Protein backbone atom coordinates (compact mmCIF):
# COMPACT_ATOMS: atom_id res chain seq x y z
CA MET A 1 73.87 94.03 145.86
CA LYS A 2 71.98 92.63 142.96
CA SER A 3 68.19 91.79 143.05
CA ALA A 4 67.15 88.19 143.51
CA THR A 5 66.18 87.84 140.03
CA ALA A 6 69.34 89.16 138.48
CA TYR A 7 71.65 86.79 136.41
CA ARG A 8 74.97 86.12 138.13
CA THR A 9 78.47 85.60 136.69
CA ILE A 10 80.42 82.30 137.29
CA SER A 11 82.66 84.22 139.57
CA GLU A 12 79.62 85.57 141.67
CA VAL A 13 78.29 82.10 141.99
CA SER A 14 81.70 80.64 142.93
CA THR A 15 81.98 83.20 145.56
CA ASP A 16 78.66 82.61 146.71
CA LEU A 17 78.82 78.87 147.01
CA ASN A 18 82.48 78.77 148.09
CA VAL A 19 83.18 76.67 145.22
CA PRO A 20 85.90 76.98 142.54
CA GLN A 21 84.95 78.04 139.04
CA HIS A 22 86.20 74.90 137.46
CA VAL A 23 84.14 72.90 139.70
CA LEU A 24 81.02 74.61 138.60
CA ARG A 25 82.06 74.07 135.02
CA PHE A 26 82.58 70.51 135.76
CA TRP A 27 78.99 70.25 137.44
CA GLU A 28 77.60 71.60 133.96
CA THR A 29 79.03 68.56 132.26
CA LYS A 30 77.66 66.08 134.93
CA PHE A 31 74.11 67.79 135.39
CA PRO A 32 72.44 68.78 132.10
CA GLN A 33 69.86 70.65 134.14
CA ILE A 34 72.36 73.36 134.72
CA ARG A 35 72.10 75.68 131.83
CA PRO A 36 73.54 78.95 132.22
CA LEU A 37 73.23 81.55 129.32
CA LYS A 38 76.44 81.83 127.37
CA ARG A 39 77.46 85.26 125.83
CA GLY A 40 80.09 86.16 123.58
CA GLY A 41 83.56 84.74 124.62
CA GLY A 42 81.69 81.94 126.30
CA ARG A 43 80.92 84.12 129.36
CA ARG A 44 78.36 82.34 131.69
CA TYR A 45 75.34 83.94 133.21
CA TYR A 46 73.40 81.85 135.81
CA ARG A 47 69.73 82.26 136.39
CA PRO A 48 68.41 82.26 139.93
CA GLU A 49 66.99 78.99 139.41
CA ASP A 50 70.41 77.63 138.20
CA VAL A 51 72.13 79.01 141.33
CA GLU A 52 69.41 77.31 143.60
CA LEU A 53 70.00 74.05 141.68
CA LEU A 54 73.85 74.48 142.27
CA ARG A 55 73.39 75.18 145.87
CA ARG A 56 71.23 72.01 146.45
CA ILE A 57 73.80 69.97 144.32
CA GLN A 58 76.60 71.42 146.55
CA ALA A 59 74.65 70.50 149.73
CA LEU A 60 74.06 66.89 148.46
CA LEU A 61 77.60 66.23 147.37
CA TYR A 62 79.32 68.08 150.33
CA GLU A 63 77.00 67.82 153.27
CA ASP A 64 74.84 64.82 152.81
CA ARG A 65 77.85 63.01 151.09
CA TYR A 66 76.00 61.79 147.99
CA THR A 67 78.20 60.77 144.81
CA ILE A 68 77.71 62.43 141.54
CA LYS A 69 75.87 59.43 140.35
CA GLY A 70 73.52 59.85 143.25
CA VAL A 71 72.65 63.22 142.82
CA GLN A 72 72.12 62.45 139.14
CA ARG A 73 69.61 59.88 140.15
CA LEU A 74 67.84 62.09 142.41
CA LEU A 75 67.61 64.76 139.58
CA LYS A 76 66.40 62.11 137.15
CA GLU A 77 63.70 60.82 139.63
CA GLY A 78 62.63 64.38 140.34
CA ARG A 79 63.41 64.11 143.98
CA MET A 80 65.78 67.15 144.24
CA SER A 81 63.18 69.37 145.93
CA ASP A 82 62.46 66.73 148.74
CA PRO A 83 64.76 67.13 151.73
CA THR A 84 67.10 64.27 151.95
CA PRO A 85 66.11 61.72 154.63
CA PRO A 86 68.71 61.83 157.30
CA LEU A 87 70.56 58.56 158.29
CA PRO A 88 69.49 57.11 161.63
CA GLU A 89 71.66 58.15 164.42
CA ASP A 90 73.94 56.03 166.15
CA THR A 91 73.61 55.93 169.85
CA ASP A 92 77.04 57.16 170.52
CA ASP A 93 77.63 60.58 168.77
CA GLY A 94 75.41 60.58 165.68
CA ASN A 95 78.47 60.65 163.33
CA GLU A 96 78.94 56.99 162.67
CA ALA A 97 77.14 55.07 159.79
CA PRO A 98 74.75 52.47 160.80
CA ASP A 99 75.93 49.02 161.24
CA VAL A 100 74.95 47.52 157.94
CA GLU A 101 77.05 44.34 158.52
CA ALA A 102 74.43 43.21 161.12
CA PHE A 103 71.88 43.01 158.14
CA THR A 104 71.67 40.81 155.20
CA VAL A 105 69.97 41.72 152.04
CA ASP A 106 68.81 38.88 149.66
CA GLU A 107 69.00 40.44 146.04
CA SER A 108 67.02 37.47 144.63
CA ASP A 109 63.60 38.95 145.87
CA ASP A 110 61.95 42.29 145.82
CA GLY A 111 64.12 44.25 147.99
CA GLY A 112 65.60 41.98 150.58
CA GLU A 113 63.22 41.67 153.59
CA ALA A 114 65.14 41.27 156.96
CA SER A 115 65.11 37.61 158.36
CA ALA A 116 63.00 36.93 161.46
CA ASP A 117 65.81 37.43 163.94
CA GLN A 118 67.08 40.77 162.34
CA PRO A 119 65.22 44.11 162.55
CA PRO A 120 63.96 45.58 158.98
CA LEU A 121 66.37 47.92 157.22
CA SER A 122 65.06 51.61 157.17
CA ASP A 123 64.27 53.11 153.90
CA ALA A 124 67.53 55.66 154.57
CA VAL A 125 69.81 52.60 155.10
CA ARG A 126 68.36 50.77 152.34
CA HIS A 127 68.91 53.74 150.03
CA GLU A 128 72.48 54.06 151.14
CA ILE A 129 73.20 50.54 150.72
CA THR A 130 71.68 50.81 147.08
CA MET A 131 73.94 53.80 146.28
CA VAL A 132 76.91 52.19 147.55
CA LEU A 133 76.19 49.13 145.59
CA ASP A 134 75.52 51.02 142.46
CA GLU A 135 78.75 52.73 142.88
CA LEU A 136 80.67 49.57 143.38
CA LYS A 137 79.29 48.11 140.24
CA SER A 138 80.15 51.16 138.24
CA LEU A 139 83.74 50.93 139.63
CA ARG A 140 83.98 47.19 138.78
CA SER A 141 82.83 48.21 135.28
CA VAL A 142 85.68 50.78 134.91
CA LEU A 143 88.23 48.40 136.35
CA SER A 144 86.96 45.64 133.74
CA ARG A 145 87.37 48.09 131.01
CA LEU A 146 90.81 49.36 132.27
CA SER A 147 91.86 45.64 132.65
CA GLU A 148 90.76 44.94 129.01
CA MET A 149 92.72 47.89 127.51
CA GLY A 150 95.81 46.78 129.34
CA SER A 151 95.55 43.27 128.13
CA LYS A 152 95.23 44.63 124.39
CA LYS A 153 98.33 46.46 124.77
CA SER A 154 100.31 43.49 125.92
């Protein structure tokens, strides 16, 4: 058993987090904050703080269901150390997402206050809606570029 301050190989981290090695290498490309030491032959050695960051990224992606862009935003904003606020629980079993169709958000003002006949959105719901909207905008941009590339080939 290694000490808590010992460096870990990609194989050890992969086993510890139950994540394939190629996923760890992929995360390195998406999260520049992950900077393992690389020795001869490209062998990676993760510091304890790298392992903790990877553990938090894994939890946000797999348990809290954030997108990679969402986790990148949290890292950029410096909010990784704060626990993620849970979504409001549904009255049935707590596994369903909140009913966001019942709310309208007016993007023309400073954040879309609820109208008089609707309850205000919680911060967690507002955050989720913003994350989904950002991801949809990103997807629309990708589709637009693909469409432009397809029309150029024709």
